[in-house]
Amino acid sequence: MRRVMGATASGLLFALLMPPAAGADSPQRGDGSIVAWGWNVVGQCNVPAPNTDFVAVAGGYLHSLGLKADGSIVAWGGNDYGQCD
């Protein structure tokens, strides 16, 4: 399983669990799910269900964004200024 790691300015950390490259061993959890940890004051670590099929992840100061394989975008966390609408 490949892991793509990232971090935000607020110290939130992400791991995007991707399927293995061709010829690699079978993944235990390579379903495109996101694992997030760190300062979770407004739910920016609480990835909404279904937490699968993500191909990219990014985070703002108090919100997080995930890009799904079908092109849709999922936003969660702080929404004081409509950033998750």
PDB file of N, CA and C in Angstrom:
ATOM      1  N   MET A   1       0.841  -1.163   0.000  1.00  0.00           N
ATOM      2  CA  MET A   1       0.000   0.000   0.000  1.00  0.00           C
ATOM      3  C   MET A   1       0.892   1.234   0.000  1.00  0.00           C
ATOM      4  N   ARG A   2       0.534   2.208  -0.818  1.00  0.00           N
ATOM      5  CA  ARG A   2       1.261   3.477  -0.844  1.00  0.00           C
ATOM      6  C   ARG A   2       0.559   4.460   0.070  1.00  0.00           C
ATOM      7  N   ARG A   3       1.329   5.275   0.749  1.00  0.00           N
ATOM      8  CA  ARG A   3       0.768   6.324   1.599  1.00  0.00           C
ATOM      9  C   ARG A   3       1.269   7.659   1.090  1.00  0.00           C
ATOM     10  N   VAL A   4       0.365   8.581   0.902  1.00  0.00           N
ATOM     11  CA  VAL A   4       0.716   9.939   0.512  1.00  0.00           C
ATOM     12  C   VAL A   4       0.482  10.799   1.733  1.00  0.00           C
ATOM     13  N   MET A   5       1.520  11.435   2.237  1.00  0.00           N
ATOM     14  CA  MET A   5       1.431  12.193   3.479  1.00  0.00           C
ATOM     15  C   MET A   5       1.415  13.689   3.177  1.00  0.00           C
ATOM     16  N   GLY A   6       0.807  14.460   4.059  1.00  0.00           N
ATOM     17  CA  GLY A   6       0.791  15.906   3.928  1.00  0.00           C
ATOM     18  C   GLY A   6       0.504  16.550   5.261  1.00  0.00           C
ATOM     19  N   ALA A   7       0.706  17.854   5.330  1.00  0.00           N
ATOM     20  CA  ALA A   7       0.444  18.606   6.555  1.00  0.00           C
ATOM     21  C   ALA A   7      -0.070  19.987   6.187  1.00  0.00           C
ATOM     22  N   THR A   8      -0.769  20.624   7.109  1.00  0.00           N
ATOM     23  CA  THR A   8      -1.299  21.964   6.887  1.00  0.00           C
ATOM     24  C   THR A   8      -0.622  22.953   7.822  1.00  0.00           C
ATOM     25  N   ALA A   9      -0.933  24.224   7.618  1.00  0.00           N
ATOM     26  CA  ALA A   9      -0.343  25.274   8.451  1.00  0.00           C
ATOM     27  C   ALA A   9      -0.737  25.138   9.917  1.00  0.00           C
ATOM     28  N   SER A  10      -1.917  24.563  10.180  1.00  0.00           N
ATOM     29  CA  SER A  10      -2.373  24.428  11.561  1.00  0.00           C
ATOM     30  C   SER A  10      -1.823  23.170  12.233  1.00  0.00           C
ATOM     31  N   GLY A  11      -1.022  22.396  11.522  1.00  0.00           N
ATOM     32  CA  GLY A  11      -0.434  21.202  12.107  1.00  0.00           C
ATOM     33  C   GLY A  11      -1.243  19.942  11.887  1.00  0.00           C
ATOM     34  N   LEU A  12      -2.358  20.021  11.142  1.00  0.00           N
ATOM     35  CA  LEU A  12      -3.159  18.853  10.821  1.00  0.00           C
ATOM     36  C   LEU A  12      -2.370  17.960   9.866  1.00  0.00           C
ATOM     37  N   LEU A  13      -2.356  16.670  10.129  1.00  0.00           N
ATOM     38  CA  LEU A  13      -1.625  15.727   9.287  1.00  0.00           C
ATOM     39  C   LEU A  13      -2.594  14.811   8.566  1.00  0.00           C
ATOM     40  N   PHE A  14      -2.242  14.423   7.332  1.00  0.00           N
ATOM     41  CA  PHE A  14      -3.067  13.550   6.514  1.00  0.00           C
ATOM     42  C   PHE A  14      -2.260  12.369   6.022  1.00  0.00           C
ATOM     43  N   ALA A  15      -2.923  11.252   5.824  1.00  0.00           N
ATOM     44  CA  ALA A  15      -2.384  10.129   5.065  1.00  0.00           C
ATOM     45  C   ALA A  15      -3.487   9.678   4.124  1.00  0.00           C
ATOM     46  N   LEU A  16      -3.196   9.638   2.834  1.00  0.00           N
ATOM     47  CA  LEU A  16      -4.125   9.151   1.827  1.00  0.00           C
ATOM     48  C   LEU A  16      -3.664   7.756   1.460  1.00  0.00           C
ATOM     49  N   LEU A  17      -4.488   6.756   1.721  1.00  0.00           N
ATOM     50  CA  LEU A  17      -4.111   5.359   1.534  1.00  0.00           C
ATOM     51  C   LEU A  17      -4.518   4.916   0.142  1.00  0.00           C
ATOM     52  N   MET A  18      -3.517   4.795  -0.731  1.00  0.00           N
ATOM     53  CA  MET A  18      -3.748   4.490  -2.138  1.00  0.00           C
ATOM     54  C   MET A  18      -3.452   3.024  -2.428  1.00  0.00           C
ATOM     55  N   PRO A  19      -4.077   2.480  -3.484  1.00  0.00           N
ATOM     56  CA  PRO A  19      -3.744   1.115  -3.888  1.00  0.00           C
ATOM     57  C   PRO A  19      -2.270   1.021  -4.260  1.00  0.00           C
ATOM     58  N   PRO A  20      -1.691  -0.168  -4.174  1.00  0.00           N
ATOM     59  CA  PRO A  20      -0.280  -0.316  -4.496  1.00  0.00           C
ATOM     60  C   PRO A  20      -0.023  -0.132  -5.985  1.00  0.00           C
ATOM     61  N   ALA A  21       1.205   0.189  -6.315  1.00  0.00           N
ATOM     62  CA  ALA A  21       1.597   0.271  -7.716  1.00  0.00           C
ATOM     63  C   ALA A  21       1.513  -1.118  -8.334  1.00  0.00           C
ATOM     64  N   ALA A  22       1.437  -1.181  -9.652  1.00  0.00           N
ATOM     65  CA  ALA A  22       1.332  -2.469 -10.345  1.00  0.00           C
ATOM     66  C   ALA A  22       2.462  -3.397  -9.918  1.00  0.00           C
ATOM     67  N   GLY A  23       2.136  -4.625  -9.628  1.00  0.00           N
ATOM     68  CA  GLY A  23       3.131  -5.619  -9.245  1.00  0.00           C
ATOM     69  C   GLY A  23       3.464  -5.634  -7.774  1.00  0.00           C
ATOM     70  N   ALA A  24       2.907  -4.715  -6.994  1.00  0.00           N
ATOM     71  CA  ALA A  24       3.202  -4.661  -5.559  1.00  0.00           C
ATOM     72  C   ALA A  24       2.285  -5.613  -4.811  1.00  0.00           C
ATOM     73  N   ASP A  25       2.596  -5.837  -3.555  1.00  0.00           N
ATOM     74  CA  ASP A  25       1.753  -6.690  -2.721  1.00  0.00           C
ATOM     75  C   ASP A  25       0.361  -6.095  -2.560  1.00  0.00           C
ATOM     76  N   SER A  26      -0.601  -6.932  -2.266  1.00  0.00           N
ATOM     77  CA  SER A  26      -1.971  -6.473  -2.054  1.00  0.00           C
ATOM     78  C   SER A  26      -2.042  -5.581  -0.821  1.00  0.00           C
ATOM     79  N   PRO A  27      -2.833  -4.500  -0.881  1.00  0.00           N
ATOM     80  CA  PRO A  27      -2.931  -3.592   0.266  1.00  0.00           C
ATOM     81  C   PRO A  27      -3.841  -4.157   1.342  1.00  0.00           C
ATOM     82  N   GLN A  28      -3.613  -3.729   2.567  1.00  0.00           N
ATOM     83  CA  GLN A  28      -4.546  -4.044   3.628  1.00  0.00           C
ATOM     84  C   GLN A  28      -5.671  -3.021   3.643  1.00  0.00           C
ATOM     85  N   ARG A  29      -5.359  -1.786   3.268  1.00  0.00           N
ATOM     86  CA  ARG A  29      -6.367  -0.734   3.230  1.00  0.00           C
ATOM     87  C   ARG A  29      -5.969   0.284   2.174  1.00  0.00           C
ATOM     88  N   GLY A  30      -5.928  -0.094   0.950  1.00  0.00           N
ATOM     89  CA  GLY A  30      -5.562   0.804  -0.137  1.00  0.00           C
ATOM     90  C   GLY A  30      -6.780   1.252  -0.908  1.00  0.00           C
ATOM     91  N   ASP A  31      -7.794   1.726  -0.206  1.00  0.00           N
ATOM     92  CA  ASP A  31      -9.078   2.039  -0.814  1.00  0.00           C
ATOM     93  C   ASP A  31      -9.279   3.526  -1.091  1.00  0.00           C
ATOM     94  N   GLY A  32      -8.206   4.308  -1.027  1.00  0.00           N
ATOM     95  CA  GLY A  32      -8.339   5.743  -1.225  1.00  0.00           C
ATOM     96  C   GLY A  32      -8.941   6.449  -0.035  1.00  0.00           C
ATOM     97  N   SER A  33      -8.866   5.826   1.135  1.00  0.00           N
ATOM     98  CA  SER A  33      -9.406   6.467   2.331  1.00  0.00           C
ATOM     99  C   SER A  33      -8.401   7.467   2.899  1.00  0.00           C
ATOM    100  N   ILE A  34      -8.905   8.397   3.694  1.00  0.00           N
ATOM    101  CA  ILE A  34      -8.070   9.421   4.315  1.00  0.00           C
ATOM    102  C   ILE A  34      -8.021   9.163   5.813  1.00  0.00           C
ATOM    103  N   VAL A  35      -6.825   9.229   6.367  1.00  0.00           N
ATOM    104  CA  VAL A  35      -6.636   9.203   7.809  1.00  0.00           C
ATOM    105  C   VAL A  35      -6.093  10.576   8.181  1.00  0.00           C
ATOM    106  N   ALA A  36      -6.738  11.243   9.119  1.00  0.00           N
ATOM    107  CA  ALA A  36      -6.310  12.585   9.525  1.00  0.00           C
ATOM    108  C   ALA A  36      -6.147  12.626  11.036  1.00  0.00           C
ATOM    109  N   TRP A  37      -5.144  13.360  11.490  1.00  0.00           N
ATOM    110  CA  TRP A  37      -4.937  13.500  12.927  1.00  0.00           C
ATOM    111  C   TRP A  37      -4.303  14.845  13.204  1.00  0.00           C
ATOM    112  N   GLY A  38      -4.446  15.291  14.414  1.00  0.00           N
ATOM    113  CA  GLY A  38      -3.925  16.597  14.805  1.00  0.00           C
ATOM    114  C   GLY A  38      -4.986  17.394  15.536  1.00  0.00           C
ATOM    115  N   TRP A  39      -4.881  18.688  15.482  1.00  0.00           N
ATOM    116  CA  TRP A  39      -5.786  19.612  16.163  1.00  0.00           C
ATOM    117  C   TRP A  39      -7.151  19.542  15.481  1.00  0.00           C
ATOM    118  N   ASN A  40      -8.165  19.058  16.177  1.00  0.00           N
ATOM    119  CA  ASN A  40      -9.472  18.785  15.584  1.00  0.00           C
ATOM    120  C   ASN A  40     -10.549  19.660  16.219  1.00  0.00           C
ATOM    121  N   VAL A  41     -10.265  20.929  16.386  1.00  0.00           N
ATOM    122  CA  VAL A  41     -11.153  21.832  17.123  1.00  0.00           C
ATOM    123  C   VAL A  41     -12.540  21.977  16.487  1.00  0.00           C
ATOM    124  N   VAL A  42     -12.665  21.902  15.181  1.00  0.00           N
ATOM    125  CA  VAL A  42     -13.968  22.051  14.523  1.00  0.00           C
ATOM    126  C   VAL A  42     -14.265  20.892  13.562  1.00  0.00           C
ATOM    127  N   GLY A  43     -13.665  19.746  13.806  1.00  0.00           N
ATOM    128  CA  GLY A  43     -13.974  18.562  13.008  1.00  0.00           C
ATOM    129  C   GLY A  43     -13.183  18.405  11.736  1.00  0.00           C
ATOM    130  N   GLN A  44     -12.085  19.129  11.591  1.00  0.00           N
ATOM    131  CA  GLN A  44     -11.309  19.026  10.364  1.00  0.00           C
ATOM    132  C   GLN A  44     -10.595  17.680  10.209  1.00  0.00           C
ATOM    133  N   CYS A  45     -10.591  16.858  11.245  1.00  0.00           N
ATOM    134  CA  CYS A  45     -10.048  15.492  11.153  1.00  0.00           C
ATOM    135  C   CYS A  45     -11.145  14.448  10.942  1.00  0.00           C
ATOM    136  N   ASN A  46     -12.397  14.844  11.006  1.00  0.00           N
ATOM    137  CA  ASN A  46     -13.519  13.906  10.908  1.00  0.00           C
ATOM    138  C   ASN A  46     -13.943  13.749   9.451  1.00  0.00           C
ATOM    139  N   VAL A  47     -13.276  12.859   8.736  1.00  0.00           N
ATOM    140  CA  VAL A  47     -13.583  12.640   7.314  1.00  0.00           C
ATOM    141  C   VAL A  47     -14.978  12.030   7.205  1.00  0.00           C
ATOM    142  N   PRO A  48     -15.880  12.667   6.429  1.00  0.00           N
ATOM    143  CA  PRO A  48     -17.239  12.139   6.332  1.00  0.00           C
ATOM    144  C   PRO A  48     -17.305  10.841   5.531  1.00  0.00           C
ATOM    145  N   ALA A  49     -18.303  10.029   5.847  1.00  0.00           N
ATOM    146  CA  ALA A  49     -18.528   8.773   5.117  1.00  0.00           C
ATOM    147  C   ALA A  49     -19.219   9.085   3.789  1.00  0.00           C
ATOM    148  N   PRO A  50     -18.959   8.298   2.773  1.00  0.00           N
ATOM    149  CA  PRO A  50     -18.045   7.163   2.750  1.00  0.00           C
ATOM    150  C   PRO A  50     -16.609   7.636   2.536  1.00  0.00           C
ATOM    151  N   ASN A  51     -15.711   7.173   3.359  1.00  0.00           N
ATOM    152  CA  ASN A  51     -14.305   7.576   3.322  1.00  0.00           C
ATOM    153  C   ASN A  51     -13.526   6.610   2.424  1.00  0.00           C
ATOM    154  N   THR A  52     -13.830   6.658   1.135  1.00  0.00           N
ATOM    155  CA  THR A  52     -13.137   5.834   0.140  1.00  0.00           C
ATOM    156  C   THR A  52     -13.044   6.597  -1.168  1.00  0.00           C
ATOM    157  N   ASP A  53     -12.203   6.125  -2.058  1.00  0.00           N
ATOM    158  CA  ASP A  53     -12.066   6.628  -3.427  1.00  0.00           C
ATOM    159  C   ASP A  53     -11.519   8.049  -3.527  1.00  0.00           C
ATOM    160  N   PHE A  54     -10.783   8.523  -2.528  1.00  0.00           N
ATOM    161  CA  PHE A  54     -10.128   9.824  -2.631  1.00  0.00           C
ATOM    162  C   PHE A  54      -8.829   9.677  -3.418  1.00  0.00           C
ATOM    163  N   VAL A  55      -8.511  10.693  -4.223  1.00  0.00           N
ATOM    164  CA  VAL A  55      -7.260  10.693  -4.971  1.00  0.00           C
ATOM    165  C   VAL A  55      -6.341  11.831  -4.544  1.00  0.00           C
ATOM    166  N   ALA A  56      -6.886  12.806  -3.799  1.00  0.00           N
ATOM    167  CA  ALA A  56      -6.076  13.918  -3.301  1.00  0.00           C
ATOM    168  C   ALA A  56      -6.741  14.484  -2.051  1.00  0.00           C
ATOM    169  N   VAL A  57      -5.926  15.108  -1.218  1.00  0.00           N
ATOM    170  CA  VAL A  57      -6.430  15.713   0.012  1.00  0.00           C
ATOM    171  C   VAL A  57      -5.657  17.000   0.274  1.00  0.00           C
ATOM    172  N   ALA A  58      -6.353  17.990   0.821  1.00  0.00           N
ATOM    173  CA  ALA A  58      -5.720  19.262   1.167  1.00  0.00           C
ATOM    174  C   ALA A  58      -6.419  19.813   2.399  1.00  0.00           C
ATOM    175  N   GLY A  59      -5.753  20.711   3.082  1.00  0.00           N
ATOM    176  CA  GLY A  59      -6.348  21.290   4.272  1.00  0.00           C
ATOM    177  C   GLY A  59      -6.079  22.769   4.377  1.00  0.00           C
ATOM    178  N   GLY A  60      -7.085  23.481   4.842  1.00  0.00           N
ATOM    179  CA  GLY A  60      -6.925  24.878   5.189  1.00  0.00           C
ATOM    180  C   GLY A  60      -6.637  24.967   6.670  1.00  0.00           C
ATOM    181  N   TYR A  61      -6.809  26.139   7.233  1.00  0.00           N
ATOM    182  CA  TYR A  61      -6.508  26.300   8.652  1.00  0.00           C
ATOM    183  C   TYR A  61      -7.482  25.524   9.522  1.00  0.00           C
ATOM    184  N   LEU A  62      -8.791  25.595   9.227  1.00  0.00           N
ATOM    185  CA  LEU A  62      -9.791  24.896  10.035  1.00  0.00           C
ATOM    186  C   LEU A  62     -10.747  24.049   9.197  1.00  0.00           C
ATOM    187  N   HIS A  63     -10.384  23.735   7.964  1.00  0.00           N
ATOM    188  CA  HIS A  63     -11.217  22.877   7.130  1.00  0.00           C
ATOM    189  C   HIS A  63     -10.325  21.970   6.288  1.00  0.00           C
ATOM    190  N   SER A  64     -10.930  20.937   5.740  1.00  0.00           N
ATOM    191  CA  SER A  64     -10.199  19.977   4.924  1.00  0.00           C
ATOM    192  C   SER A  64     -10.988  19.709   3.653  1.00  0.00           C
ATOM    193  N   LEU A  65     -10.283  19.323   2.594  1.00  0.00           N
ATOM    194  CA  LEU A  65     -10.893  19.046   1.301  1.00  0.00           C
ATOM    195  C   LEU A  65     -10.359  17.736   0.757  1.00  0.00           C
ATOM    196  N   GLY A  66     -11.226  16.964   0.133  1.00  0.00           N
ATOM    197  CA  GLY A  66     -10.798  15.736  -0.516  1.00  0.00           C
ATOM    198  C   GLY A  66     -11.367  15.673  -1.915  1.00  0.00           C
ATOM    199  N   LEU A  67     -10.540  15.244  -2.874  1.00  0.00           N
ATOM    200  CA  LEU A  67     -10.964  15.067  -4.254  1.00  0.00           C
ATOM    201  C   LEU A  67     -11.203  13.582  -4.483  1.00  0.00           C
ATOM    202  N   LYS A  68     -12.408  13.238  -4.929  1.00  0.00           N
ATOM    203  CA  LYS A  68     -12.771  11.844  -5.189  1.00  0.00           C
ATOM    204  C   LYS A  68     -12.377  11.457  -6.613  1.00  0.00           C
ATOM    205  N   ALA A  69     -12.268  10.165  -6.862  1.00  0.00           N
ATOM    206  CA  ALA A  69     -11.904   9.645  -8.177  1.00  0.00           C
ATOM    207  C   ALA A  69     -12.907  10.060  -9.252  1.00  0.00           C
ATOM    208  N   ASP A  70     -14.166  10.292  -8.883  1.00  0.00           N
ATOM    209  CA  ASP A  70     -15.181  10.692  -9.859  1.00  0.00           C
ATOM    210  C   ASP A  70     -15.186  12.197 -10.134  1.00  0.00           C
ATOM    211  N   GLY A  71     -14.257  12.938  -9.518  1.00  0.00           N
ATOM    212  CA  GLY A  71     -14.148  14.377  -9.735  1.00  0.00           C
ATOM    213  C   GLY A  71     -14.903  15.222  -8.723  1.00  0.00           C
ATOM    214  N   SER A  72     -15.666  14.612  -7.850  1.00  0.00           N
ATOM    215  CA  SER A  72     -16.388  15.388  -6.837  1.00  0.00           C
ATOM    216  C   SER A  72     -15.438  15.804  -5.712  1.00  0.00           C
ATOM    217  N   ILE A  73     -15.803  16.884  -5.047  1.00  0.00           N
ATOM    218  CA  ILE A  73     -15.008  17.415  -3.946  1.00  0.00           C
ATOM    219  C   ILE A  73     -15.823  17.322  -2.662  1.00  0.00           C
ATOM    220  N   VAL A  74     -15.191  16.844  -1.605  1.00  0.00           N
ATOM    221  CA  VAL A  74     -15.828  16.744  -0.293  1.00  0.00           C
ATOM    222  C   VAL A  74     -15.097  17.707   0.640  1.00  0.00           C
ATOM    223  N   ALA A  75     -15.848  18.508   1.391  1.00  0.00           N
ATOM    224  CA  ALA A  75     -15.268  19.465   2.333  1.00  0.00           C
ATOM    225  C   ALA A  75     -15.840  19.214   3.723  1.00  0.00           C
ATOM    226  N   TRP A  76     -14.997  19.368   4.751  1.00  0.00           N
ATOM    227  CA  TRP A  76     -15.455  19.173   6.123  1.00  0.00           C
ATOM    228  C   TRP A  76     -14.621  20.023   7.059  1.00  0.00           C
ATOM    229  N   GLY A  77     -15.155  20.242   8.255  1.00  0.00           N
ATOM    230  CA  GLY A  77     -14.468  21.060   9.253  1.00  0.00           C
ATOM    231  C   GLY A  77     -15.178  22.387   9.432  1.00  0.00           C
ATOM    232  N   GLY A  78     -14.418  23.426   9.763  1.00  0.00           N
ATOM    233  CA  GLY A  78     -14.984  24.753  10.000  1.00  0.00           C
ATOM    234  C   GLY A  78     -15.638  25.329   8.773  1.00  0.00           C
ATOM    235  N   ASN A  79     -16.774  25.973   8.962  1.00  0.00           N
ATOM    236  CA  ASN A  79     -17.521  26.533   7.839  1.00  0.00           C
ATOM    237  C   ASN A  79     -17.996  27.946   8.147  1.00  0.00           C
ATOM    238  N   ASP A  80     -17.247  28.687   8.933  1.00  0.00           N
ATOM    239  CA  ASP A  80     -17.650  30.045   9.311  1.00  0.00           C
ATOM    240  C   ASP A  80     -17.827  30.980   8.125  1.00  0.00           C
ATOM    241  N   TYR A  81     -17.076  30.773   7.059  1.00  0.00           N
ATOM    242  CA  TYR A  81     -17.117  31.653   5.891  1.00  0.00           C
ATOM    243  C   TYR A  81     -17.615  30.938   4.650  1.00  0.00           C
ATOM    244  N   GLY A  82     -18.292  29.786   4.829  1.00  0.00           N
ATOM    245  CA  GLY A  82     -18.835  29.042   3.693  1.00  0.00           C
ATOM    246  C   GLY A  82     -17.821  28.184   2.963  1.00  0.00           C
ATOM    247  N   GLN A  83     -16.658  27.966   3.550  1.00  0.00           N
ATOM    248  CA  GLN A  83     -15.614  27.213   2.867  1.00  0.00           C
ATOM    249  C   GLN A  83     -15.957  25.737   2.672  1.00  0.00           C
ATOM    250  N   CYS A  84     -16.956  25.234   3.362  1.00  0.00           N
ATOM    251  CA  CYS A  84     -17.357  23.829   3.199  1.00  0.00           C
ATOM    252  C   CYS A  84     -18.710  23.694   2.508  1.00  0.00           C
ATOM    253  N   ASP A  85     -19.281  24.793   2.038  1.00  0.00           N
ATOM    254  CA  ASP A  85     -20.585  24.730   1.344  1.00  0.00           C
ATOM    255  C   ASP A  85     -20.403  24.259  -0.099  1.00  0.00           C
TER     256      ASP A  85
END
